[in-house]
Amino acid sequence: MNNFIFSLNATLPVFIIIVLGYILMQAGIFNKEFTSVADKYVFKVALPVLLFKDIATTNIRQCFDLKFVLFCSLATISMFLIIWLLATIFIKDKTIVGAFTQASARGSAAVLGIAFVNNIYGDSGLAPLMIVAAVPFFNILSVIILTFCSNENTGNGNIKKAFVNVLKNPIILGILAGLIYSLSGLPIPEFALKSVTYIANTATPVALLVVGAGFEGKKAIAKLKPTIIATLLKLVIVPLVYFPIAVSLGFRNRELVAILVMLGAPTTVTCYIMAKNMGNDDVLSSSVVVLSTLLSSVTLTLWIFVLKSLNLI
């Protein structure tokens, strides 16, 4: 019951802010011009600063574990590529392949990771290391897939375009800057840390408001089937595939809970922001964010129950 209450406390506020964004849009307090500007602010400023802060304030040298890093990195790469391949083969509407792939594989690891492990064990354990190992690949692979699947694609120079998009993607630049700063061992001055924290704290609420404001019920209903499939992949099927591998490699306790968040957390709001900014299906992305967030309090709690029942955590 404690884990269920924690899961609700972690996911219900996210859902409420999304609903608030929708209400404010319907009431005319928000408009399309506001959401367009807010999209760009979150994508180019707030999210990069958030990821920089999370990584720069983590002592990567101290908590480094090569086997754990390799598992998180390889699991992330393989799940993205496998889902992309299957989506390309089985989805008839090719305009949604990029958004579907990203939403099915990319979870709220950076947002929920440290909080989830802290709640169960009282410290963050390997959650920061999981973020460092997985989140950069979340972003790099998302940029590559969204570039190749963009509805604005001309069909020429895809490889070069993807490479350029990776290099200039603000979120990836934020991660790289945070990694370099963390490895340097330099402390962040108090005034700078407070300023960075203020900006970082705007990322999630503004992004969630924009998702709610941009949510279009009729269009979302028309894409209900891929929304449900992507949500099931994100919350149930992907963890079901990778957990036996993690267990067979000897991961237990804090490691497994960090891996749970990496694999089974609800689809991150960043999916919507990036899909919209890179010419992919933002309607499908927002639908999966909403549905996976709504259901994740139940699925995450069930996964914790299963892992505890098997004496793995």
C-alpha atoms as a PDB file:
ATOM      1  CA  MET A   1       0.000   0.000   0.000  1.00  0.00           C
ATOM      2  CA  ASN A   2       2.879   2.397   0.781  1.00  0.00           C
ATOM      3  CA  ASN A   3       4.333   1.851  -2.692  1.00  0.00           C
ATOM      4  CA  PHE A   4       0.914   2.440  -4.279  1.00  0.00           C
ATOM      5  CA  ILE A   5       0.494   5.701  -2.356  1.00  0.00           C
ATOM      6  CA  PHE A   6       4.007   6.772  -3.360  1.00  0.00           C
ATOM      7  CA  SER A   7       3.287   5.919  -7.013  1.00  0.00           C
ATOM      8  CA  LEU A   8       0.091   7.963  -6.851  1.00  0.00           C
ATOM      9  CA  ASN A   9       1.960  10.867  -5.260  1.00  0.00           C
ATOM     10  CA  ALA A  10       4.560  10.691  -8.046  1.00  0.00           C
ATOM     11  CA  THR A  11       2.191  10.399 -11.010  1.00  0.00           C
ATOM     12  CA  LEU A  12      -1.116  12.025 -10.007  1.00  0.00           C
ATOM     13  CA  PRO A  13       0.312  15.585  -9.767  1.00  0.00           C
ATOM     14  CA  VAL A  14       1.715  15.135 -13.290  1.00  0.00           C
ATOM     15  CA  PHE A  15      -1.719  14.154 -14.580  1.00  0.00           C
ATOM     16  CA  ILE A  16      -3.415  17.025 -12.715  1.00  0.00           C
ATOM     17  CA  ILE A  17      -1.071  19.624 -14.277  1.00  0.00           C
ATOM     18  CA  ILE A  18      -1.790  18.169 -17.742  1.00  0.00           C
ATOM     19  CA  VAL A  19      -5.530  18.483 -17.074  1.00  0.00           C
ATOM     20  CA  LEU A  20      -5.007  22.051 -15.835  1.00  0.00           C
ATOM     21  CA  GLY A  21      -3.252  22.924 -19.096  1.00  0.00           C
ATOM     22  CA  TYR A  22      -6.218  21.551 -21.051  1.00  0.00           C
ATOM     23  CA  ILE A  23      -8.712  23.534 -18.936  1.00  0.00           C
ATOM     24  CA  LEU A  24      -6.733  26.774 -19.298  1.00  0.00           C
ATOM     25  CA  MET A  25      -6.626  26.298 -23.071  1.00  0.00           C
ATOM     26  CA  GLN A  26     -10.369  25.683 -23.271  1.00  0.00           C
ATOM     27  CA  ALA A  27     -11.005  28.714 -21.060  1.00  0.00           C
ATOM     28  CA  GLY A  28      -9.004  30.928 -23.414  1.00  0.00           C
ATOM     29  CA  ILE A  29      -6.321  31.778 -20.834  1.00  0.00           C
ATOM     30  CA  PHE A  30      -3.776  29.922 -22.980  1.00  0.00           C
ATOM     31  CA  ASN A  31      -3.662  30.227 -26.762  1.00  0.00           C
ATOM     32  CA  LYS A  32      -1.676  28.642 -29.596  1.00  0.00           C
ATOM     33  CA  GLU A  33       0.869  31.456 -29.614  1.00  0.00           C
ATOM     34  CA  PHE A  34       1.606  30.877 -25.920  1.00  0.00           C
ATOM     35  CA  THR A  35       2.000  27.106 -26.346  1.00  0.00           C
ATOM     36  CA  SER A  36       4.289  27.637 -29.350  1.00  0.00           C
ATOM     37  CA  VAL A  37       6.575  29.958 -27.378  1.00  0.00           C
ATOM     38  CA  ALA A  38       6.447  27.695 -24.308  1.00  0.00           C
ATOM     39  CA  ASP A  39       7.378  24.683 -26.481  1.00  0.00           C
ATOM     40  CA  LYS A  40      10.512  26.442 -27.660  1.00  0.00           C
ATOM     41  CA  TYR A  41      11.404  27.637 -24.145  1.00  0.00           C
ATOM     42  CA  VAL A  42      11.135  24.129 -22.682  1.00  0.00           C
ATOM     43  CA  PHE A  43      12.991  22.496 -25.577  1.00  0.00           C
ATOM     44  CA  LYS A  44      15.816  25.029 -25.900  1.00  0.00           C
ATOM     45  CA  VAL A  45      16.253  26.288 -22.333  1.00  0.00           C
ATOM     46  CA  ALA A  46      14.459  24.594 -19.437  1.00  0.00           C
ATOM     47  CA  LEU A  47      14.977  20.890 -20.248  1.00  0.00           C
ATOM     48  CA  PRO A  48      18.682  21.288 -21.159  1.00  0.00           C
ATOM     49  CA  VAL A  49      19.260  23.197 -17.909  1.00  0.00           C
ATOM     50  CA  LEU A  50      17.358  20.547 -15.903  1.00  0.00           C
ATOM     51  CA  LEU A  51      19.465  17.710 -17.298  1.00  0.00           C
ATOM     52  CA  PHE A  52      22.665  19.725 -16.854  1.00  0.00           C
ATOM     53  CA  LYS A  53      21.805  20.262 -13.175  1.00  0.00           C
ATOM     54  CA  ASP A  54      20.881  16.603 -12.531  1.00  0.00           C
ATOM     55  CA  ILE A  55      24.137  15.316 -14.026  1.00  0.00           C
ATOM     56  CA  ALA A  56      26.508  18.113 -12.952  1.00  0.00           C
ATOM     57  CA  THR A  57      25.492  17.679  -9.299  1.00  0.00           C
ATOM     58  CA  THR A  58      26.053  13.899  -9.386  1.00  0.00           C
ATOM     59  CA  ASN A  59      29.438  12.459  -8.402  1.00  0.00           C
ATOM     60  CA  ILE A  60      29.791  10.086 -11.346  1.00  0.00           C
ATOM     61  CA  ARG A  61      33.301   8.983 -10.392  1.00  0.00           C
ATOM     62  CA  GLN A  62      32.164   7.860  -6.948  1.00  0.00           C
ATOM     63  CA  CYS A  63      29.130   5.801  -7.994  1.00  0.00           C
ATOM     64  CA  PHE A  64      30.504   4.391 -11.270  1.00  0.00           C
ATOM     65  CA  ASP A  65      29.694   0.701 -11.936  1.00  0.00           C
ATOM     66  CA  LEU A  66      30.769  -0.521 -15.391  1.00  0.00           C
ATOM     67  CA  LYS A  67      28.436  -3.539 -15.596  1.00  0.00           C
ATOM     68  CA  PHE A  68      25.430  -1.440 -14.575  1.00  0.00           C
ATOM     69  CA  VAL A  69      26.336   1.341 -17.032  1.00  0.00           C
ATOM     70  CA  LEU A  70      26.753  -1.145 -19.886  1.00  0.00           C
ATOM     71  CA  PHE A  71      23.426  -2.823 -19.130  1.00  0.00           C
ATOM     72  CA  CYS A  72      21.523   0.474 -18.966  1.00  0.00           C
ATOM     73  CA  SER A  73      23.158   1.746 -22.159  1.00  0.00           C
ATOM     74  CA  LEU A  74      22.747  -1.455 -24.180  1.00  0.00           C
ATOM     75  CA  ALA A  75      19.191  -2.038 -22.951  1.00  0.00           C
ATOM     76  CA  THR A  76      18.255   1.508 -23.958  1.00  0.00           C
ATOM     77  CA  ILE A  77      19.829   1.216 -27.416  1.00  0.00           C
ATOM     78  CA  SER A  78      18.333  -2.210 -28.140  1.00  0.00           C
ATOM     79  CA  MET A  79      14.785  -1.372 -26.993  1.00  0.00           C
ATOM     80  CA  PHE A  80      14.716   1.775 -29.133  1.00  0.00           C
ATOM     81  CA  LEU A  81      16.027  -0.032 -32.219  1.00  0.00           C
ATOM     82  CA  ILE A  82      13.786  -3.104 -31.793  1.00  0.00           C
ATOM     83  CA  ILE A  83      10.639  -1.008 -31.322  1.00  0.00           C
ATOM     84  CA  TRP A  84      11.616   1.183 -34.288  1.00  0.00           C
ATOM     85  CA  LEU A  85      12.106  -1.897 -36.482  1.00  0.00           C
ATOM     86  CA  LEU A  86       8.803  -3.459 -35.419  1.00  0.00           C
ATOM     87  CA  ALA A  87       6.946  -0.155 -35.809  1.00  0.00           C
ATOM     88  CA  THR A  88       8.382   0.308 -39.307  1.00  0.00           C
ATOM     89  CA  ILE A  89       7.261  -3.200 -40.283  1.00  0.00           C
ATOM     90  CA  PHE A  90       3.813  -3.351 -38.710  1.00  0.00           C
ATOM     91  CA  ILE A  91       2.468   0.229 -38.603  1.00  0.00           C
ATOM     92  CA  LYS A  92       0.732   1.105 -41.844  1.00  0.00           C
ATOM     93  CA  ASP A  93       0.608   4.855 -41.183  1.00  0.00           C
ATOM     94  CA  LYS A  94       4.298   5.741 -41.541  1.00  0.00           C
ATOM     95  CA  THR A  95       3.702   9.302 -40.314  1.00  0.00           C
ATOM     96  CA  ILE A  96       3.360   8.068 -36.728  1.00  0.00           C
ATOM     97  CA  VAL A  97       6.332   5.653 -36.621  1.00  0.00           C
ATOM     98  CA  GLY A  98       8.784   8.151 -35.081  1.00  0.00           C
ATOM     99  CA  ALA A  99       6.400   9.409 -32.406  1.00  0.00           C
ATOM    100  CA  PHE A 100       5.220   5.852 -31.632  1.00  0.00           C
ATOM    101  CA  THR A 101       8.786   4.552 -31.228  1.00  0.00           C
ATOM    102  CA  GLN A 102       9.888   7.390 -28.983  1.00  0.00           C
ATOM    103  CA  ALA A 103       6.761   7.225 -26.792  1.00  0.00           C
ATOM    104  CA  SER A 104       7.060   3.427 -26.418  1.00  0.00           C
ATOM    105  CA  ALA A 105      10.699   3.497 -25.303  1.00  0.00           C
ATOM    106  CA  ARG A 106      11.376   6.794 -23.562  1.00  0.00           C
ATOM    107  CA  GLY A 107      10.315   7.129 -19.931  1.00  0.00           C
ATOM    108  CA  SER A 108      10.548   9.711 -17.146  1.00  0.00           C
ATOM    109  CA  ALA A 109      13.799   8.287 -15.819  1.00  0.00           C
ATOM    110  CA  ALA A 110      15.320  11.640 -14.909  1.00  0.00           C
ATOM    111  CA  VAL A 111      12.158  12.860 -13.159  1.00  0.00           C
ATOM    112  CA  LEU A 112      11.137   9.718 -11.244  1.00  0.00           C
ATOM    113  CA  GLY A 113      14.435   7.827 -10.932  1.00  0.00           C
ATOM    114  CA  ILE A 114      16.086   9.355  -7.893  1.00  0.00           C
ATOM    115  CA  ALA A 115      12.760   9.937  -6.097  1.00  0.00           C
ATOM    116  CA  PHE A 116      11.641   6.329  -6.561  1.00  0.00           C
ATOM    117  CA  VAL A 117      14.845   4.717  -5.284  1.00  0.00           C
ATOM    118  CA  ASN A 118      15.011   7.218  -2.409  1.00  0.00           C
ATOM    119  CA  ASN A 119      11.461   6.340  -1.351  1.00  0.00           C
ATOM    120  CA  ILE A 120      12.245   2.631  -1.070  1.00  0.00           C
ATOM    121  CA  TYR A 121      15.818   2.655   0.250  1.00  0.00           C
ATOM    122  CA  GLY A 122      16.347   6.089   1.780  1.00  0.00           C
ATOM    123  CA  ASP A 123      19.139   7.027  -0.631  1.00  0.00           C
ATOM    124  CA  SER A 124      19.438   7.469  -4.384  1.00  0.00           C
ATOM    125  CA  GLY A 125      21.701   4.454  -4.894  1.00  0.00           C
ATOM    126  CA  LEU A 126      22.545   3.954  -8.559  1.00  0.00           C
ATOM    127  CA  ALA A 127      19.657   6.058  -9.887  1.00  0.00           C
ATOM    128  CA  PRO A 128      21.936   8.990 -10.855  1.00  0.00           C
ATOM    129  CA  LEU A 129      24.259   6.574 -12.669  1.00  0.00           C
ATOM    130  CA  MET A 130      21.261   5.081 -14.507  1.00  0.00           C
ATOM    131  CA  ILE A 131      20.315   8.592 -15.629  1.00  0.00           C
ATOM    132  CA  VAL A 132      23.842   9.220 -16.908  1.00  0.00           C
ATOM    133  CA  ALA A 133      23.957   5.836 -18.688  1.00  0.00           C
ATOM    134  CA  ALA A 134      20.464   5.864 -20.226  1.00  0.00           C
ATOM    135  CA  VAL A 135      19.151   9.424 -20.644  1.00  0.00           C
ATOM    136  CA  PRO A 136      21.825  10.540 -23.170  1.00  0.00           C
ATOM    137  CA  PHE A 137      20.867   7.581 -25.376  1.00  0.00           C
ATOM    138  CA  PHE A 138      17.172   8.376 -24.852  1.00  0.00           C
ATOM    139  CA  ASN A 139      17.868  11.741 -26.439  1.00  0.00           C
ATOM    140  CA  ILE A 140      20.389  10.757 -29.110  1.00  0.00           C
ATOM    141  CA  LEU A 141      18.244   7.874 -30.400  1.00  0.00           C
ATOM    142  CA  SER A 142      15.104   9.997 -30.248  1.00  0.00           C
ATOM    143  CA  VAL A 143      16.764  12.699 -32.359  1.00  0.00           C
ATOM    144  CA  ILE A 144      17.944  10.135 -34.933  1.00  0.00           C
ATOM    145  CA  ILE A 145      14.573   8.357 -35.149  1.00  0.00           C
ATOM    146  CA  LEU A 146      12.527  11.562 -35.241  1.00  0.00           C
ATOM    147  CA  THR A 147      14.814  12.952 -37.953  1.00  0.00           C
ATOM    148  CA  PHE A 148      14.422   9.885 -40.162  1.00  0.00           C
ATOM    149  CA  CYS A 149      10.665   9.710 -39.519  1.00  0.00           C
ATOM    150  CA  SER A 150       9.929  13.436 -39.720  1.00  0.00           C
ATOM    151  CA  ASN A 151       6.801  14.379 -41.648  1.00  0.00           C
ATOM    152  CA  GLU A 152       8.816  17.315 -43.005  1.00  0.00           C
ATOM    153  CA  ASN A 153      11.441  14.956 -44.412  1.00  0.00           C
ATOM    154  CA  THR A 154      12.520  15.482 -47.999  1.00  0.00           C
ATOM    155  CA  GLY A 155      14.087  12.048 -48.198  1.00  0.00           C
ATOM    156  CA  ASN A 156      17.608  13.302 -48.946  1.00  0.00           C
ATOM    157  CA  GLY A 157      20.620  13.536 -46.680  1.00  0.00           C
ATOM    158  CA  ASN A 158      18.959  11.761 -43.740  1.00  0.00           C
ATOM    159  CA  ILE A 159      22.194  10.506 -42.192  1.00  0.00           C
ATOM    160  CA  LYS A 160      23.871  13.905 -42.369  1.00  0.00           C
ATOM    161  CA  LYS A 161      20.730  15.620 -41.085  1.00  0.00           C
ATOM    162  CA  ALA A 162      20.445  13.200 -38.154  1.00  0.00           C
ATOM    163  CA  PHE A 163      24.114  13.727 -37.270  1.00  0.00           C
ATOM    164  CA  VAL A 164      23.711  17.508 -37.357  1.00  0.00           C
ATOM    165  CA  ASN A 165      20.505  17.326 -35.295  1.00  0.00           C
ATOM    166  CA  VAL A 166      22.263  15.256 -32.640  1.00  0.00           C
ATOM    167  CA  LEU A 167      25.148  17.743 -32.446  1.00  0.00           C
ATOM    168  CA  LYS A 168      22.914  20.806 -32.147  1.00  0.00           C
ATOM    169  CA  ASN A 169      20.103  19.304 -30.038  1.00  0.00           C
ATOM    170  CA  PRO A 170      19.814  21.515 -26.913  1.00  0.00           C
ATOM    171  CA  ILE A 171      18.910  18.589 -24.638  1.00  0.00           C
ATOM    172  CA  ILE A 172      21.944  16.569 -25.708  1.00  0.00           C
ATOM    173  CA  LEU A 173      24.170  19.633 -25.284  1.00  0.00           C
ATOM    174  CA  GLY A 174      22.798  20.045 -21.751  1.00  0.00           C
ATOM    175  CA  ILE A 175      23.618  16.413 -20.927  1.00  0.00           C
ATOM    176  CA  LEU A 176      27.135  16.716 -22.390  1.00  0.00           C
ATOM    177  CA  ALA A 177      27.823  19.922 -20.466  1.00  0.00           C
ATOM    178  CA  GLY A 178      26.585  18.310 -17.234  1.00  0.00           C
ATOM    179  CA  LEU A 179      28.767  15.236 -17.799  1.00  0.00           C
ATOM    180  CA  ILE A 180      31.881  17.339 -18.415  1.00  0.00           C
ATOM    181  CA  TYR A 181      31.199  19.469 -15.326  1.00  0.00           C
ATOM    182  CA  SER A 182      30.579  16.404 -13.143  1.00  0.00           C
ATOM    183  CA  LEU A 183      33.816  14.750 -14.267  1.00  0.00           C
ATOM    184  CA  SER A 184      35.751  17.981 -13.661  1.00  0.00           C
ATOM    185  CA  GLY A 185      34.992  17.727  -9.950  1.00  0.00           C
ATOM    186  CA  LEU A 186      34.437  21.464  -9.704  1.00  0.00           C
ATOM    187  CA  PRO A 187      31.729  22.656  -7.290  1.00  0.00           C
ATOM    188  CA  ILE A 188      28.938  24.831  -8.656  1.00  0.00           C
ATOM    189  CA  PRO A 189      28.949  28.231  -6.884  1.00  0.00           C
ATOM    190  CA  GLU A 190      25.901  28.710  -4.676  1.00  0.00           C
ATOM    191  CA  PHE A 191      24.498  31.673  -6.632  1.00  0.00           C
ATOM    192  CA  ALA A 192      24.913  29.796  -9.935  1.00  0.00           C
ATOM    193  CA  LEU A 193      23.327  26.618  -8.549  1.00  0.00           C
ATOM    194  CA  LYS A 194      20.301  28.562  -7.299  1.00  0.00           C
ATOM    195  CA  SER A 195      19.876  30.276 -10.680  1.00  0.00           C
ATOM    196  CA  VAL A 196      20.176  26.960 -12.540  1.00  0.00           C
ATOM    197  CA  THR A 197      17.717  25.348 -10.115  1.00  0.00           C
ATOM    198  CA  TYR A 198      15.142  28.090 -10.657  1.00  0.00           C
ATOM    199  CA  ILE A 199      15.274  27.553 -14.421  1.00  0.00           C
ATOM    200  CA  ALA A 200      15.341  23.746 -14.102  1.00  0.00           C
ATOM    201  CA  ASN A 201      12.268  23.811 -11.858  1.00  0.00           C
ATOM    202  CA  THR A 202      10.219  25.407 -14.644  1.00  0.00           C
ATOM    203  CA  ALA A 203      10.880  22.597 -17.138  1.00  0.00           C
ATOM    204  CA  THR A 204       8.427  19.943 -15.991  1.00  0.00           C
ATOM    205  CA  PRO A 205       5.413  22.114 -15.023  1.00  0.00           C
ATOM    206  CA  VAL A 206       5.600  24.265 -18.178  1.00  0.00           C
ATOM    207  CA  ALA A 207       6.022  21.191 -20.379  1.00  0.00           C
ATOM    208  CA  LEU A 208       3.058  19.469 -18.707  1.00  0.00           C
ATOM    209  CA  LEU A 209       0.857  22.545 -19.109  1.00  0.00           C
ATOM    210  CA  VAL A 210       1.775  22.655 -22.799  1.00  0.00           C
ATOM    211  CA  VAL A 211       0.916  18.953 -23.232  1.00  0.00           C
ATOM    212  CA  GLY A 212      -2.498  19.574 -21.679  1.00  0.00           C
ATOM    213  CA  ALA A 213      -3.066  22.746 -23.684  1.00  0.00           C
ATOM    214  CA  GLY A 214      -2.170  20.966 -26.918  1.00  0.00           C
ATOM    215  CA  PHE A 215      -4.257  17.864 -26.180  1.00  0.00           C
ATOM    216  CA  GLU A 216      -6.972  17.427 -28.817  1.00  0.00           C
ATOM    217  CA  GLY A 217      -9.574  14.900 -27.724  1.00  0.00           C
ATOM    218  CA  LYS A 218     -11.080  14.076 -31.117  1.00  0.00           C
ATOM    219  CA  LYS A 219      -7.711  13.593 -32.780  1.00  0.00           C
ATOM    220  CA  ALA A 220      -6.481  11.561 -29.800  1.00  0.00           C
ATOM    221  CA  ILE A 221      -9.494   9.210 -29.998  1.00  0.00           C
ATOM    222  CA  ALA A 222      -8.725   8.642 -33.679  1.00  0.00           C
ATOM    223  CA  LYS A 223      -5.287   7.367 -32.580  1.00  0.00           C
ATOM    224  CA  LEU A 224      -6.504   5.332 -29.616  1.00  0.00           C
ATOM    225  CA  LYS A 225      -5.158   1.992 -30.873  1.00  0.00           C
ATOM    226  CA  PRO A 226      -1.493   3.070 -31.289  1.00  0.00           C
ATOM    227  CA  THR A 227      -1.808   5.002 -28.005  1.00  0.00           C
ATOM    228  CA  ILE A 228      -2.870   1.862 -26.116  1.00  0.00           C
ATOM    229  CA  ILE A 229      -0.202  -0.299 -27.792  1.00  0.00           C
ATOM    230  CA  ALA A 230       2.571   2.229 -27.057  1.00  0.00           C
ATOM    231  CA  THR A 231       1.417   2.524 -23.424  1.00  0.00           C
ATOM    232  CA  LEU A 232       1.419  -1.266 -22.962  1.00  0.00           C
ATOM    233  CA  LEU A 233       4.888  -1.480 -24.478  1.00  0.00           C
ATOM    234  CA  LYS A 234       6.190   1.258 -22.183  1.00  0.00           C
ATOM    235  CA  LEU A 235       4.658   0.094 -18.914  1.00  0.00           C
ATOM    236  CA  VAL A 236       4.431  -3.699 -19.258  1.00  0.00           C
ATOM    237  CA  ILE A 237       6.070  -5.384 -22.254  1.00  0.00           C
ATOM    238  CA  VAL A 238       9.491  -3.671 -22.226  1.00  0.00           C
ATOM    239  CA  PRO A 239      10.056  -4.366 -18.478  1.00  0.00           C
ATOM    240  CA  LEU A 240       8.815  -7.932 -18.986  1.00  0.00           C
ATOM    241  CA  VAL A 241      11.448  -8.507 -21.674  1.00  0.00           C
ATOM    242  CA  TYR A 242      14.423  -6.895 -19.918  1.00  0.00           C
ATOM    243  CA  PHE A 243      13.866  -7.795 -16.244  1.00  0.00           C
ATOM    244  CA  PRO A 244      14.835 -11.484 -16.666  1.00  0.00           C
ATOM    245  CA  ILE A 245      18.059 -10.347 -18.336  1.00  0.00           C
ATOM    246  CA  ALA A 246      18.801  -7.897 -15.502  1.00  0.00           C
ATOM    247  CA  VAL A 247      18.110 -10.552 -12.860  1.00  0.00           C
ATOM    248  CA  SER A 248      20.259 -13.145 -14.647  1.00  0.00           C
ATOM    249  CA  LEU A 249      23.145 -10.636 -14.636  1.00  0.00           C
ATOM    250  CA  GLY A 250      22.892 -10.393 -10.858  1.00  0.00           C
ATOM    251  CA  PHE A 251      21.271  -6.991 -10.401  1.00  0.00           C
ATOM    252  CA  ARG A 252      19.300  -6.683  -7.165  1.00  0.00           C
ATOM    253  CA  ASN A 253      17.778  -4.122  -4.763  1.00  0.00           C
ATOM    254  CA  ARG A 254      18.666  -0.495  -5.620  1.00  0.00           C
ATOM    255  CA  GLU A 255      20.008  -1.536  -9.026  1.00  0.00           C
ATOM    256  CA  LEU A 256      16.759  -3.253  -9.994  1.00  0.00           C
ATOM    257  CA  VAL A 257      14.597  -0.367  -8.796  1.00  0.00           C
ATOM    258  CA  ALA A 258      16.695   2.041 -10.888  1.00  0.00           C
ATOM    259  CA  ILE A 259      16.312  -0.317 -13.853  1.00  0.00           C
ATOM    260  CA  LEU A 260      12.548  -0.462 -13.203  1.00  0.00           C
ATOM    261  CA  VAL A 261      12.321   3.313 -13.536  1.00  0.00           C
ATOM    262  CA  MET A 262      14.452   3.241 -16.690  1.00  0.00           C
ATOM    263  CA  LEU A 263      12.235   0.608 -18.314  1.00  0.00           C
ATOM    264  CA  GLY A 264       8.757   1.018 -16.825  1.00  0.00           C
ATOM    265  CA  ALA A 265       8.293   4.710 -15.972  1.00  0.00           C
ATOM    266  CA  PRO A 266       5.520   6.542 -17.864  1.00  0.00           C
ATOM    267  CA  THR A 267       6.351   8.220 -21.156  1.00  0.00           C
ATOM    268  CA  THR A 268       8.175  11.472 -20.501  1.00  0.00           C
ATOM    269  CA  VAL A 269       6.691  14.821 -21.446  1.00  0.00           C
ATOM    270  CA  THR A 270       9.882  15.444 -23.446  1.00  0.00           C
ATOM    271  CA  CYS A 271       8.480  13.093 -26.101  1.00  0.00           C
ATOM    272  CA  TYR A 272       5.738  15.582 -26.882  1.00  0.00           C
ATOM    273  CA  ILE A 273       8.109  18.561 -26.899  1.00  0.00           C
ATOM    274  CA  MET A 274      10.622  16.878 -29.216  1.00  0.00           C
ATOM    275  CA  ALA A 275       8.008  15.344 -31.528  1.00  0.00           C
ATOM    276  CA  LYS A 276       6.370  18.731 -32.017  1.00  0.00           C
ATOM    277  CA  ASN A 277       9.681  20.526 -32.567  1.00  0.00           C
ATOM    278  CA  MET A 278      10.978  17.919 -35.031  1.00  0.00           C
ATOM    279  CA  GLY A 279       7.999  17.498 -37.371  1.00  0.00           C
ATOM    280  CA  ASN A 280       6.544  14.299 -35.868  1.00  0.00           C
ATOM    281  CA  ASP A 281       3.119  13.355 -34.510  1.00  0.00           C
ATOM    282  CA  ASP A 282       2.586  15.451 -31.374  1.00  0.00           C
ATOM    283  CA  VAL A 283      -1.055  14.294 -30.979  1.00  0.00           C
ATOM    284  CA  LEU A 284      -0.025  10.660 -30.550  1.00  0.00           C
ATOM    285  CA  SER A 285       2.862  11.698 -28.288  1.00  0.00           C
ATOM    286  CA  SER A 286       0.610  13.712 -25.957  1.00  0.00           C
ATOM    287  CA  SER A 287      -1.959  10.887 -25.873  1.00  0.00           C
ATOM    288  CA  VAL A 288       0.652   8.348 -24.760  1.00  0.00           C
ATOM    289  CA  VAL A 289       2.029  10.762 -22.137  1.00  0.00           C
ATOM    290  CA  VAL A 290      -1.473  11.215 -20.688  1.00  0.00           C
ATOM    291  CA  LEU A 291      -2.494   7.520 -20.724  1.00  0.00           C
ATOM    292  CA  SER A 292       0.839   6.121 -19.503  1.00  0.00           C
ATOM    293  CA  THR A 293       0.959   8.684 -16.682  1.00  0.00           C
ATOM    294  CA  LEU A 294      -2.584   7.771 -15.638  1.00  0.00           C
ATOM    295  CA  LEU A 295      -1.867   4.017 -15.569  1.00  0.00           C
ATOM    296  CA  SER A 296       1.725   4.038 -14.294  1.00  0.00           C
ATOM    297  CA  SER A 297       0.823   4.368 -10.601  1.00  0.00           C
ATOM    298  CA  VAL A 298      -0.813   0.933 -10.893  1.00  0.00           C
ATOM    299  CA  THR A 299       1.820  -0.745 -13.087  1.00  0.00           C
ATOM    300  CA  LEU A 300       4.827   0.579 -11.142  1.00  0.00           C
ATOM    301  CA  THR A 301       3.247  -0.608  -7.896  1.00  0.00           C
ATOM    302  CA  LEU A 302       2.588  -4.050  -9.407  1.00  0.00           C
ATOM    303  CA  TRP A 303       6.192  -4.290 -10.576  1.00  0.00           C
ATOM    304  CA  ILE A 304       7.439  -3.393  -7.081  1.00  0.00           C
ATOM    305  CA  PHE A 305       5.102  -6.040  -5.621  1.00  0.00           C
ATOM    306  CA  VAL A 306       6.369  -8.701  -8.045  1.00  0.00           C
ATOM    307  CA  LEU A 307      10.025  -7.874  -7.404  1.00  0.00           C
ATOM    308  CA  LYS A 308       9.496  -7.936  -3.630  1.00  0.00           C
ATOM    309  CA  SER A 309       7.568 -11.201  -3.819  1.00  0.00           C
ATOM    310  CA  LEU A 310      10.508 -12.753  -5.633  1.00  0.00           C
ATOM    311  CA  ASN A 311      12.921 -11.356  -3.004  1.00  0.00           C
ATOM    312  CA  LEU A 312      14.771  -9.378  -5.663  1.00  0.00           C
ATOM    313  CA  ILE A 313      14.453  -6.011  -3.917  1.00  0.00           C
END
